[in-house]
Amino acid sequence: QEALKEFFRVLKPRGVLVILEFLKKDNPTWLDKISGFYTNKVLPLVGGVISKNYGAYSYLPQSIEGFLSLEGLKFELKNAGFEIVRTEDSIAQISTTMLVRKS
């Protein structure tokens, strides 16, 4: 909430904010389960090997589980004064891009 308030404060009227986020799924589908396997197993391994920082990538699945769902984030954004312009899932619904505008 503090970050959203700060985004709102620094944006000009009708300013646009783009958010790319890994969101928690309320009702996971079979595709979500496959992407969950990728996020929980493959991404930490590959990211850790490439970066030599396994901790950063093993933390990612835990942070996703502790984060909001799409509906929860929309609610928080609206409460902070943003208008939801567009949301779009990435291929395999691994991440979500949101375009919001300062009301």
PDB file of N, CA and C in Angstrom:
ATOM      1  N   GLN A   1       0.821  -1.199   0.000  1.00  0.00           N
ATOM      2  CA  GLN A   1       0.000   0.000   0.000  1.00  0.00           C
ATOM      3  C   GLN A   1       0.860   1.257   0.000  1.00  0.00           C
ATOM      4  N   GLU A   2       1.970   1.224   0.741  1.00  0.00           N
ATOM      5  CA  GLU A   2       2.840   2.398   0.771  1.00  0.00           C
ATOM      6  C   GLU A   2       3.435   2.671  -0.604  1.00  0.00           C
ATOM      7  N   ALA A   3       3.834   1.620  -1.303  1.00  0.00           N
ATOM      8  CA  ALA A   3       4.400   1.795  -2.650  1.00  0.00           C
ATOM      9  C   ALA A   3       3.349   2.367  -3.595  1.00  0.00           C
ATOM     10  N   LEU A   4       2.122   1.881  -3.503  1.00  0.00           N
ATOM     11  CA  LEU A   4       1.063   2.384  -4.375  1.00  0.00           C
ATOM     12  C   LEU A   4       0.775   3.847  -4.086  1.00  0.00           C
ATOM     13  N   LYS A   5       0.782   4.224  -2.819  1.00  0.00           N
ATOM     14  CA  LYS A   5       0.587   5.636  -2.460  1.00  0.00           C
ATOM     15  C   LYS A   5       1.699   6.501  -3.038  1.00  0.00           C
ATOM     16  N   GLU A   6       2.929   5.998  -2.991  1.00  0.00           N
ATOM     17  CA  GLU A   6       4.061   6.756  -3.532  1.00  0.00           C
ATOM     18  C   GLU A   6       3.979   6.859  -5.054  1.00  0.00           C
ATOM     19  N   PHE A   7       3.607   5.774  -5.729  1.00  0.00           N
ATOM     20  CA  PHE A   7       3.407   5.840  -7.179  1.00  0.00           C
ATOM     21  C   PHE A   7       2.361   6.894  -7.509  1.00  0.00           C
ATOM     22  N   PHE A   8       1.269   6.891  -6.762  1.00  0.00           N
ATOM     23  CA  PHE A   8       0.191   7.838  -7.000  1.00  0.00           C
ATOM     24  C   PHE A   8       0.678   9.269  -6.780  1.00  0.00           C
ATOM     25  N   ARG A   9       1.475   9.469  -5.743  1.00  0.00           N
ATOM     26  CA  ARG A   9       1.971  10.810  -5.407  1.00  0.00           C
ATOM     27  C   ARG A   9       2.861  11.370  -6.515  1.00  0.00           C
ATOM     28  N   VAL A  10       3.755  10.554  -7.061  1.00  0.00           N
ATOM     29  CA  VAL A  10       4.736  11.072  -8.018  1.00  0.00           C
ATOM     30  C   VAL A  10       4.230  11.120  -9.463  1.00  0.00           C
ATOM     31  N   LEU A  11       3.171  10.401  -9.766  1.00  0.00           N
ATOM     32  CA  LEU A  11       2.637  10.445 -11.129  1.00  0.00           C
ATOM     33  C   LEU A  11       1.869  11.739 -11.370  1.00  0.00           C
ATOM     34  N   LYS A  12       1.982  12.251 -12.587  1.00  0.00           N
ATOM     35  CA  LYS A  12       1.187  13.407 -12.981  1.00  0.00           C
ATOM     36  C   LYS A  12      -0.269  12.966 -13.108  1.00  0.00           C
ATOM     37  N   PRO A  13      -1.207  13.917 -13.072  1.00  0.00           N
ATOM     38  CA  PRO A  13      -2.607  13.553 -13.297  1.00  0.00           C
ATOM     39  C   PRO A  13      -2.751  12.795 -14.623  1.00  0.00           C
ATOM     40  N   ARG A  14      -3.491  11.719 -14.589  1.00  0.00           N
ATOM     41  CA  ARG A  14      -3.706  10.818 -15.725  1.00  0.00           C
ATOM     42  C   ARG A  14      -2.426  10.088 -16.127  1.00  0.00           C
ATOM     43  N   GLY A  15      -1.400  10.131 -15.258  1.00  0.00           N
ATOM     44  CA  GLY A  15      -0.145   9.425 -15.513  1.00  0.00           C
ATOM     45  C   GLY A  15      -0.361   7.922 -15.506  1.00  0.00           C
ATOM     46  N   VAL A  16       0.508   7.215 -16.201  1.00  0.00           N
ATOM     47  CA  VAL A  16       0.360   5.774 -16.396  1.00  0.00           C
ATOM     48  C   VAL A  16       1.452   5.024 -15.635  1.00  0.00           C
ATOM     49  N   LEU A  17       1.064   3.912 -15.043  1.00  0.00           N
ATOM     50  CA  LEU A  17       1.978   3.021 -14.342  1.00  0.00           C
ATOM     51  C   LEU A  17       1.825   1.630 -14.945  1.00  0.00           C
ATOM     52  N   VAL A  18       2.940   0.994 -15.274  1.00  0.00           N
ATOM     53  CA  VAL A  18       2.922  -0.375 -15.786  1.00  0.00           C
ATOM     54  C   VAL A  18       3.540  -1.276 -14.725  1.00  0.00           C
ATOM     55  N   ILE A  19       2.831  -2.336 -14.383  1.00  0.00           N
ATOM     56  CA  ILE A  19       3.276  -3.285 -13.365  1.00  0.00           C
ATOM     57  C   ILE A  19       3.420  -4.652 -14.022  1.00  0.00           C
ATOM     58  N   LEU A  20       4.575  -5.266 -13.837  1.00  0.00           N
ATOM     59  CA  LEU A  20       4.787  -6.647 -14.272  1.00  0.00           C
ATOM     60  C   LEU A  20       5.008  -7.451 -13.005  1.00  0.00           C
ATOM     61  N   GLU A  21       4.127  -8.395 -12.731  1.00  0.00           N
ATOM     62  CA  GLU A  21       4.166  -9.070 -11.430  1.00  0.00           C
ATOM     63  C   GLU A  21       3.819 -10.545 -11.562  1.00  0.00           C
ATOM     64  N   PHE A  22       4.422 -11.339 -10.694  1.00  0.00           N
ATOM     65  CA  PHE A  22       4.026 -12.731 -10.506  1.00  0.00           C
ATOM     66  C   PHE A  22       2.936 -12.711  -9.442  1.00  0.00           C
ATOM     67  N   LEU A  23       1.740 -13.140  -9.784  1.00  0.00           N
ATOM     68  CA  LEU A  23       0.616 -13.065  -8.856  1.00  0.00           C
ATOM     69  C   LEU A  23       0.195 -14.445  -8.376  1.00  0.00           C
ATOM     70  N   LYS A  24      -0.301 -14.475  -7.169  1.00  0.00           N
ATOM     71  CA  LYS A  24      -0.844 -15.706  -6.599  1.00  0.00           C
ATOM     72  C   LYS A  24      -2.159 -16.032  -7.310  1.00  0.00           C
ATOM     73  N   LYS A  25      -2.386 -17.291  -7.597  1.00  0.00           N
ATOM     74  CA  LYS A  25      -3.615 -17.724  -8.276  1.00  0.00           C
ATOM     75  C   LYS A  25      -4.651 -18.154  -7.242  1.00  0.00           C
ATOM     76  N   ASP A  26      -5.866 -17.600  -7.346  1.00  0.00           N
ATOM     77  CA  ASP A  26      -6.947 -17.979  -6.428  1.00  0.00           C
ATOM     78  C   ASP A  26      -7.446 -19.392  -6.703  1.00  0.00           C
ATOM     79  N   ASN A  27      -7.716 -19.686  -7.962  1.00  0.00           N
ATOM     80  CA  ASN A  27      -8.230 -20.996  -8.374  1.00  0.00           C
ATOM     81  C   ASN A  27      -7.347 -21.537  -9.489  1.00  0.00           C
ATOM     82  N   PRO A  28      -6.244 -22.202  -9.127  1.00  0.00           N
ATOM     83  CA  PRO A  28      -5.293 -22.643 -10.151  1.00  0.00           C
ATOM     84  C   PRO A  28      -5.893 -23.650 -11.133  1.00  0.00           C
ATOM     85  N   THR A  29      -5.635 -23.421 -12.412  1.00  0.00           N
ATOM     86  CA  THR A  29      -6.037 -24.345 -13.470  1.00  0.00           C
ATOM     87  C   THR A  29      -4.881 -25.313 -13.721  1.00  0.00           C
ATOM     88  N   TRP A  30      -5.065 -26.242 -14.632  1.00  0.00           N
ATOM     89  CA  TRP A  30      -3.983 -27.175 -14.956  1.00  0.00           C
ATOM     90  C   TRP A  30      -2.786 -26.426 -15.525  1.00  0.00           C
ATOM     91  N   LEU A  31      -3.057 -25.337 -16.303  1.00  0.00           N
ATOM     92  CA  LEU A  31      -1.961 -24.540 -16.851  1.00  0.00           C
ATOM     93  C   LEU A  31      -1.199 -23.816 -15.732  1.00  0.00           C
ATOM     94  N   ASP A  32      -1.941 -23.349 -14.724  1.00  0.00           N
ATOM     95  CA  ASP A  32      -1.297 -22.713 -13.566  1.00  0.00           C
ATOM     96  C   ASP A  32      -0.398 -23.702 -12.830  1.00  0.00           C
ATOM     97  N   LYS A  33      -0.825 -24.950 -12.770  1.00  0.00           N
ATOM     98  CA  LYS A  33      -0.012 -25.969 -12.089  1.00  0.00           C
ATOM     99  C   LYS A  33       1.287 -26.234 -12.852  1.00  0.00           C
ATOM    100  N   ILE A  34       1.202 -26.225 -14.180  1.00  0.00           N
ATOM    101  CA  ILE A  34       2.413 -26.395 -14.990  1.00  0.00           C
ATOM    102  C   ILE A  34       3.328 -25.190 -14.818  1.00  0.00           C
ATOM    103  N   SER A  35       2.764 -23.991 -14.894  1.00  0.00           N
ATOM    104  CA  SER A  35       3.599 -22.799 -14.719  1.00  0.00           C
ATOM    105  C   SER A  35       4.125 -22.718 -13.291  1.00  0.00           C
ATOM    106  N   GLY A  36       3.366 -23.240 -12.332  1.00  0.00           N
ATOM    107  CA  GLY A  36       3.840 -23.299 -10.948  1.00  0.00           C
ATOM    108  C   GLY A  36       5.047 -24.204 -10.814  1.00  0.00           C
ATOM    109  N   PHE A  37       5.037 -25.320 -11.528  1.00  0.00           N
ATOM    110  CA  PHE A  37       6.202 -26.211 -11.535  1.00  0.00           C
ATOM    111  C   PHE A  37       7.414 -25.473 -12.098  1.00  0.00           C
ATOM    112  N   TYR A  38       7.201 -24.754 -13.188  1.00  0.00           N
ATOM    113  CA  TYR A  38       8.289 -23.977 -13.791  1.00  0.00           C
ATOM    114  C   TYR A  38       8.823 -22.941 -12.798  1.00  0.00           C
ATOM    115  N   THR A  39       7.915 -22.201 -12.181  1.00  0.00           N
ATOM    116  CA  THR A  39       8.314 -21.142 -11.253  1.00  0.00           C
ATOM    117  C   THR A  39       8.978 -21.703 -10.003  1.00  0.00           C
ATOM    118  N   ASN A  40       8.485 -22.829  -9.505  1.00  0.00           N
ATOM    119  CA  ASN A  40       9.009 -23.393  -8.255  1.00  0.00           C
ATOM    120  C   ASN A  40      10.266 -24.235  -8.430  1.00  0.00           C
ATOM    121  N   LYS A  41      10.406 -24.889  -9.564  1.00  0.00           N
ATOM    122  CA  LYS A  41      11.514 -25.836  -9.750  1.00  0.00           C
ATOM    123  C   LYS A  41      12.528 -25.395 -10.810  1.00  0.00           C
ATOM    124  N   VAL A  42      12.036 -25.068 -12.001  1.00  0.00           N
ATOM    125  CA  VAL A  42      12.934 -24.783 -13.120  1.00  0.00           C
ATOM    126  C   VAL A  42      13.584 -23.406 -12.982  1.00  0.00           C
ATOM    127  N   LEU A  43      12.786 -22.374 -12.776  1.00  0.00           N
ATOM    128  CA  LEU A  43      13.308 -21.006 -12.695  1.00  0.00           C
ATOM    129  C   LEU A  43      14.358 -20.831 -11.601  1.00  0.00           C
ATOM    130  N   PRO A  44      14.128 -21.323 -10.371  1.00  0.00           N
ATOM    131  CA  PRO A  44      15.174 -21.174  -9.353  1.00  0.00           C
ATOM    132  C   PRO A  44      16.478 -21.890  -9.729  1.00  0.00           C
ATOM    133  N   LEU A  45      16.362 -23.054 -10.345  1.00  0.00           N
ATOM    134  CA  LEU A  45      17.561 -23.800 -10.729  1.00  0.00           C
ATOM    135  C   LEU A  45      18.335 -23.075 -11.832  1.00  0.00           C
ATOM    136  N   VAL A  46      17.645 -22.721 -12.904  1.00  0.00           N
ATOM    137  CA  VAL A  46      18.305 -22.055 -14.030  1.00  0.00           C
ATOM    138  C   VAL A  46      18.812 -20.671 -13.615  1.00  0.00           C
ATOM    139  N   GLY A  47      17.970 -19.910 -12.923  1.00  0.00           N
ATOM    140  CA  GLY A  47      18.388 -18.583 -12.465  1.00  0.00           C
ATOM    141  C   GLY A  47      19.573 -18.646 -11.530  1.00  0.00           C
ATOM    142  N   GLY A  48      19.580 -19.632 -10.642  1.00  0.00           N
ATOM    143  CA  GLY A  48      20.691 -19.798  -9.711  1.00  0.00           C
ATOM    144  C   GLY A  48      21.984 -20.167 -10.405  1.00  0.00           C
ATOM    145  N   VAL A  49      21.890 -21.053 -11.403  1.00  0.00           N
ATOM    146  CA  VAL A  49      23.085 -21.463 -12.149  1.00  0.00           C
ATOM    147  C   VAL A  49      23.657 -20.272 -12.924  1.00  0.00           C
ATOM    148  N   ILE A  50      22.797 -19.541 -13.599  1.00  0.00           N
ATOM    149  CA  ILE A  50      23.261 -18.414 -14.419  1.00  0.00           C
ATOM    150  C   ILE A  50      23.828 -17.291 -13.551  1.00  0.00           C
ATOM    151  N   SER A  51      23.117 -16.940 -12.487  1.00  0.00           N
ATOM    152  CA  SER A  51      23.530 -15.790 -11.669  1.00  0.00           C
ATOM    153  C   SER A  51      24.489 -16.153 -10.544  1.00  0.00           C
ATOM    154  N   LYS A  52      24.578 -17.426 -10.241  1.00  0.00           N
ATOM    155  CA  LYS A  52      25.362 -17.907  -9.082  1.00  0.00           C
ATOM    156  C   LYS A  52      24.786 -17.396  -7.762  1.00  0.00           C
ATOM    157  N   ASN A  53      23.508 -17.014  -7.799  1.00  0.00           N
ATOM    158  CA  ASN A  53      22.817 -16.527  -6.609  1.00  0.00           C
ATOM    159  C   ASN A  53      21.534 -17.345  -6.441  1.00  0.00           C
ATOM    160  N   TYR A  54      21.674 -18.540  -5.882  1.00  0.00           N
ATOM    161  CA  TYR A  54      20.529 -19.442  -5.731  1.00  0.00           C
ATOM    162  C   TYR A  54      19.478 -18.875  -4.783  1.00  0.00           C
ATOM    163  N   GLY A  55      19.917 -18.141  -3.780  1.00  0.00           N
ATOM    164  CA  GLY A  55      18.992 -17.604  -2.789  1.00  0.00           C
ATOM    165  C   GLY A  55      17.957 -16.677  -3.387  1.00  0.00           C
ATOM    166  N   ALA A  56      18.386 -15.823  -4.307  1.00  0.00           N
ATOM    167  CA  ALA A  56      17.458 -14.864  -4.913  1.00  0.00           C
ATOM    168  C   ALA A  56      16.360 -15.577  -5.684  1.00  0.00           C
ATOM    169  N   TYR A  57      16.711 -16.641  -6.360  1.00  0.00           N
ATOM    170  CA  TYR A  57      15.727 -17.338  -7.185  1.00  0.00           C
ATOM    171  C   TYR A  57      14.916 -18.366  -6.406  1.00  0.00           C
ATOM    172  N   SER A  58      15.444 -18.864  -5.311  1.00  0.00           N
ATOM    173  CA  SER A  58      14.640 -19.774  -4.492  1.00  0.00           C
ATOM    174  C   SER A  58      13.638 -18.983  -3.662  1.00  0.00           C
ATOM    175  N   TYR A  59      13.910 -17.702  -3.469  1.00  0.00           N
ATOM    176  CA  TYR A  59      12.995 -16.837  -2.726  1.00  0.00           C
ATOM    177  C   TYR A  59      11.760 -16.489  -3.551  1.00  0.00           C
ATOM    178  N   LEU A  60      11.890 -16.460  -4.867  1.00  0.00           N
ATOM    179  CA  LEU A  60      10.798 -16.032  -5.740  1.00  0.00           C
ATOM    180  C   LEU A  60       9.499 -16.806  -5.520  1.00  0.00           C
ATOM    181  N   PRO A  61       9.497 -18.148  -5.525  1.00  0.00           N
ATOM    182  CA  PRO A  61       8.233 -18.865  -5.311  1.00  0.00           C
ATOM    183  C   PRO A  61       7.588 -18.542  -3.960  1.00  0.00           C
ATOM    184  N   GLN A  62       8.413 -18.357  -2.935  1.00  0.00           N
ATOM    185  CA  GLN A  62       7.878 -18.013  -1.612  1.00  0.00           C
ATOM    186  C   GLN A  62       7.232 -16.631  -1.633  1.00  0.00           C
ATOM    187  N   SER A  63       7.856 -15.689  -2.335  1.00  0.00           N
ATOM    188  CA  SER A  63       7.301 -14.337  -2.375  1.00  0.00           C
ATOM    189  C   SER A  63       5.993 -14.304  -3.158  1.00  0.00           C
ATOM    190  N   ILE A  64       5.879 -15.139  -4.192  1.00  0.00           N
ATOM    191  CA  ILE A  64       4.632 -15.196  -4.957  1.00  0.00           C
ATOM    192  C   ILE A  64       3.498 -15.694  -4.068  1.00  0.00           C
ATOM    193  N   GLU A  65       3.756 -16.734  -3.291  1.00  0.00           N
ATOM    194  CA  GLU A  65       2.721 -17.282  -2.403  1.00  0.00           C
ATOM    195  C   GLU A  65       2.266 -16.264  -1.365  1.00  0.00           C
ATOM    196  N   GLY A  66       3.150 -15.369  -0.974  1.00  0.00           N
ATOM    197  CA  GLY A  66       2.799 -14.358   0.021  1.00  0.00           C
ATOM    198  C   GLY A  66       2.205 -13.097  -0.572  1.00  0.00           C
ATOM    199  N   PHE A  67       2.096 -13.047  -1.912  1.00  0.00           N
ATOM    200  CA  PHE A  67       1.624 -11.835  -2.570  1.00  0.00           C
ATOM    201  C   PHE A  67       0.124 -11.925  -2.845  1.00  0.00           C
ATOM    202  N   LEU A  68      -0.408 -10.871  -3.429  1.00  0.00           N
ATOM    203  CA  LEU A  68      -1.833 -10.781  -3.726  1.00  0.00           C
ATOM    204  C   LEU A  68      -2.201 -11.565  -4.986  1.00  0.00           C
ATOM    205  N   SER A  69      -3.473 -11.874  -5.091  1.00  0.00           N
ATOM    206  CA  SER A  69      -4.019 -12.405  -6.341  1.00  0.00           C
ATOM    207  C   SER A  69      -4.301 -11.214  -7.260  1.00  0.00           C
ATOM    208  N   LEU A  70      -4.687 -11.489  -8.497  1.00  0.00           N
ATOM    209  CA  LEU A  70      -5.029 -10.421  -9.432  1.00  0.00           C
ATOM    210  C   LEU A  70      -6.158  -9.565  -8.877  1.00  0.00           C
ATOM    211  N   GLU A  71      -7.199 -10.211  -8.372  1.00  0.00           N
ATOM    212  CA  GLU A  71      -8.326  -9.449  -7.824  1.00  0.00           C
ATOM    213  C   GLU A  71      -7.907  -8.632  -6.608  1.00  0.00           C
ATOM    214  N   GLY A  72      -7.036  -9.193  -5.782  1.00  0.00           N
ATOM    215  CA  GLY A  72      -6.545  -8.464  -4.618  1.00  0.00           C
ATOM    216  C   GLY A  72      -5.738  -7.243  -5.011  1.00  0.00           C
ATOM    217  N   LEU A  73      -4.885  -7.383  -6.026  1.00  0.00           N
ATOM    218  CA  LEU A  73      -4.081  -6.248  -6.484  1.00  0.00           C
ATOM    219  C   LEU A  73      -4.962  -5.184  -7.131  1.00  0.00           C
ATOM    220  N   LYS A  74      -5.954  -5.609  -7.912  1.00  0.00           N
ATOM    221  CA  LYS A  74      -6.890  -4.643  -8.503  1.00  0.00           C
ATOM    222  C   LYS A  74      -7.596  -3.843  -7.412  1.00  0.00           C
ATOM    223  N   PHE A  75      -8.020  -4.532  -6.370  1.00  0.00           N
ATOM    224  CA  PHE A  75      -8.695  -3.872  -5.249  1.00  0.00           C
ATOM    225  C   PHE A  75      -7.778  -2.822  -4.617  1.00  0.00           C
ATOM    226  N   GLU A  76      -6.527  -3.203  -4.355  1.00  0.00           N
ATOM    227  CA  GLU A  76      -5.572  -2.277  -3.731  1.00  0.00           C
ATOM    228  C   GLU A  76      -5.276  -1.086  -4.642  1.00  0.00           C
ATOM    229  N   LEU A  77      -5.147  -1.339  -5.932  1.00  0.00           N
ATOM    230  CA  LEU A  77      -4.886  -0.252  -6.878  1.00  0.00           C
ATOM    231  C   LEU A  77      -6.049   0.730  -6.928  1.00  0.00           C
ATOM    232  N   LYS A  78      -7.266   0.214  -6.964  1.00  0.00           N
ATOM    233  CA  LYS A  78      -8.442   1.091  -6.974  1.00  0.00           C
ATOM    234  C   LYS A  78      -8.526   1.891  -5.683  1.00  0.00           C
ATOM    235  N   ASN A  79      -8.223   1.250  -4.558  1.00  0.00           N
ATOM    236  CA  ASN A  79      -8.220   1.956  -3.272  1.00  0.00           C
ATOM    237  C   ASN A  79      -7.185   3.071  -3.234  1.00  0.00           C
ATOM    238  N   ALA A  80      -6.087   2.890  -3.960  1.00  0.00           N
ATOM    239  CA  ALA A  80      -5.024   3.899  -3.995  1.00  0.00           C
ATOM    240  C   ALA A  80      -5.332   5.014  -4.998  1.00  0.00           C
ATOM    241  N   GLY A  81      -6.433   4.881  -5.744  1.00  0.00           N
ATOM    242  CA  GLY A  81      -6.843   5.936  -6.665  1.00  0.00           C
ATOM    243  C   GLY A  81      -6.509   5.686  -8.124  1.00  0.00           C
ATOM    244  N   PHE A  82      -6.175   4.447  -8.464  1.00  0.00           N
ATOM    245  CA  PHE A  82      -5.830   4.128  -9.845  1.00  0.00           C
ATOM    246  C   PHE A  82      -7.022   3.540 -10.581  1.00  0.00           C
ATOM    247  N   GLU A  83      -7.054   3.791 -11.874  1.00  0.00           N
ATOM    248  CA  GLU A  83      -8.036   3.189 -12.777  1.00  0.00           C
ATOM    249  C   GLU A  83      -7.320   2.050 -13.509  1.00  0.00           C
ATOM    250  N   ILE A  84      -7.918   0.879 -13.526  1.00  0.00           N
ATOM    251  CA  ILE A  84      -7.333  -0.259 -14.231  1.00  0.00           C
ATOM    252  C   ILE A  84      -7.647  -0.098 -15.714  1.00  0.00           C
ATOM    253  N   VAL A  85      -6.624   0.057 -16.532  1.00  0.00           N
ATOM    254  CA  VAL A  85      -6.811   0.233 -17.969  1.00  0.00           C
ATOM    255  C   VAL A  85      -6.781  -1.117 -18.675  1.00  0.00           C
ATOM    256  N   ARG A  86      -5.805  -1.950 -18.297  1.00  0.00           N
ATOM    257  CA  ARG A  86      -5.647  -3.228 -18.999  1.00  0.00           C
ATOM    258  C   ARG A  86      -4.842  -4.196 -18.143  1.00  0.00           C
ATOM    259  N   THR A  87      -5.203  -5.470 -18.216  1.00  0.00           N
ATOM    260  CA  THR A  87      -4.388  -6.528 -17.618  1.00  0.00           C
ATOM    261  C   THR A  87      -4.183  -7.601 -18.680  1.00  0.00           C
ATOM    262  N   GLU A  88      -3.000  -8.177 -18.675  1.00  0.00           N
ATOM    263  CA  GLU A  88      -2.697  -9.203 -19.672  1.00  0.00           C
ATOM    264  C   GLU A  88      -1.751 -10.231 -19.068  1.00  0.00           C
ATOM    265  N   ASP A  89      -2.128 -11.495 -19.181  1.00  0.00           N
ATOM    266  CA  ASP A  89      -1.255 -12.574 -18.725  1.00  0.00           C
ATOM    267  C   ASP A  89      -0.196 -12.850 -19.777  1.00  0.00           C
ATOM    268  N   SER A  90       0.973 -13.249 -19.310  1.00  0.00           N
ATOM    269  CA  SER A  90       2.032 -13.661 -20.230  1.00  0.00           C
ATOM    270  C   SER A  90       1.703 -15.045 -20.776  1.00  0.00           C
ATOM    271  N   ILE A  91       2.537 -15.506 -21.684  1.00  0.00           N
ATOM    272  CA  ILE A  91       2.385 -16.866 -22.193  1.00  0.00           C
ATOM    273  C   ILE A  91       2.477 -17.818 -21.006  1.00  0.00           C
ATOM    274  N   ALA A  92       1.621 -18.777 -20.947  1.00  0.00           N
ATOM    275  CA  ALA A  92       1.540 -19.767 -19.864  1.00  0.00           C
ATOM    276  C   ALA A  92       1.120 -19.148 -18.538  1.00  0.00           C
ATOM    277  N   GLN A  93       0.657 -17.920 -18.561  1.00  0.00           N
ATOM    278  CA  GLN A  93       0.124 -17.250 -17.368  1.00  0.00           C
ATOM    279  C   GLN A  93       1.107 -17.247 -16.199  1.00  0.00           C
ATOM    280  N   ILE A  94       2.390 -17.096 -16.495  1.00  0.00           N
ATOM    281  CA  ILE A  94       3.391 -17.077 -15.435  1.00  0.00           C
ATOM    282  C   ILE A  94       3.424 -15.720 -14.752  1.00  0.00           C
ATOM    283  N   SER A  95       3.272 -14.656 -15.532  1.00  0.00           N
ATOM    284  CA  SER A  95       3.268 -13.312 -14.955  1.00  0.00           C
ATOM    285  C   SER A  95       2.115 -12.518 -15.556  1.00  0.00           C
ATOM    286  N   THR A  96       1.823 -11.396 -14.936  1.00  0.00           N
ATOM    287  CA  THR A  96       0.740 -10.536 -15.385  1.00  0.00           C
ATOM    288  C   THR A  96       1.266  -9.121 -15.543  1.00  0.00           C
ATOM    289  N   THR A  97       0.896  -8.488 -16.650  1.00  0.00           N
ATOM    290  CA  THR A  97       1.220  -7.082 -16.870  1.00  0.00           C
ATOM    291  C   THR A  97      -0.057  -6.282 -16.676  1.00  0.00           C
ATOM    292  N   MET A  98       0.054  -5.210 -15.905  1.00  0.00           N
ATOM    293  CA  MET A  98      -1.095  -4.342 -15.661  1.00  0.00           C
ATOM    294  C   MET A  98      -0.741  -2.924 -16.082  1.00  0.00           C
ATOM    295  N   LEU A  99      -1.661  -2.288 -16.763  1.00  0.00           N
ATOM    296  CA  LEU A  99      -1.541  -0.886 -17.125  1.00  0.00           C
ATOM    297  C   LEU A  99      -2.608  -0.157 -16.327  1.00  0.00           C
ATOM    298  N   VAL A 100      -2.175   0.767 -15.481  1.00  0.00           N
ATOM    299  CA  VAL A 100      -3.116   1.518 -14.653  1.00  0.00           C
ATOM    300  C   VAL A 100      -2.856   3.004 -14.834  1.00  0.00           C
ATOM    301  N   ARG A 101      -3.877   3.808 -14.567  1.00  0.00           N
ATOM    302  CA  ARG A 101      -3.782   5.256 -14.743  1.00  0.00           C
ATOM    303  C   ARG A 101      -4.210   5.947 -13.458  1.00  0.00           C
ATOM    304  N   LYS A 102      -3.489   6.995 -13.141  1.00  0.00           N
ATOM    305  CA  LYS A 102      -3.855   7.812 -11.987  1.00  0.00           C
ATOM    306  C   LYS A 102      -5.173   8.503 -12.302  1.00  0.00           C
ATOM    307  N   SER A 103      -6.163   8.303 -11.454  1.00  0.00           N
ATOM    308  CA  SER A 103      -7.495   8.890 -11.681  1.00  0.00           C
ATOM    309  C   SER A 103      -7.497  10.376 -11.418  1.00  0.00           C
TER     310      SER A 103
END
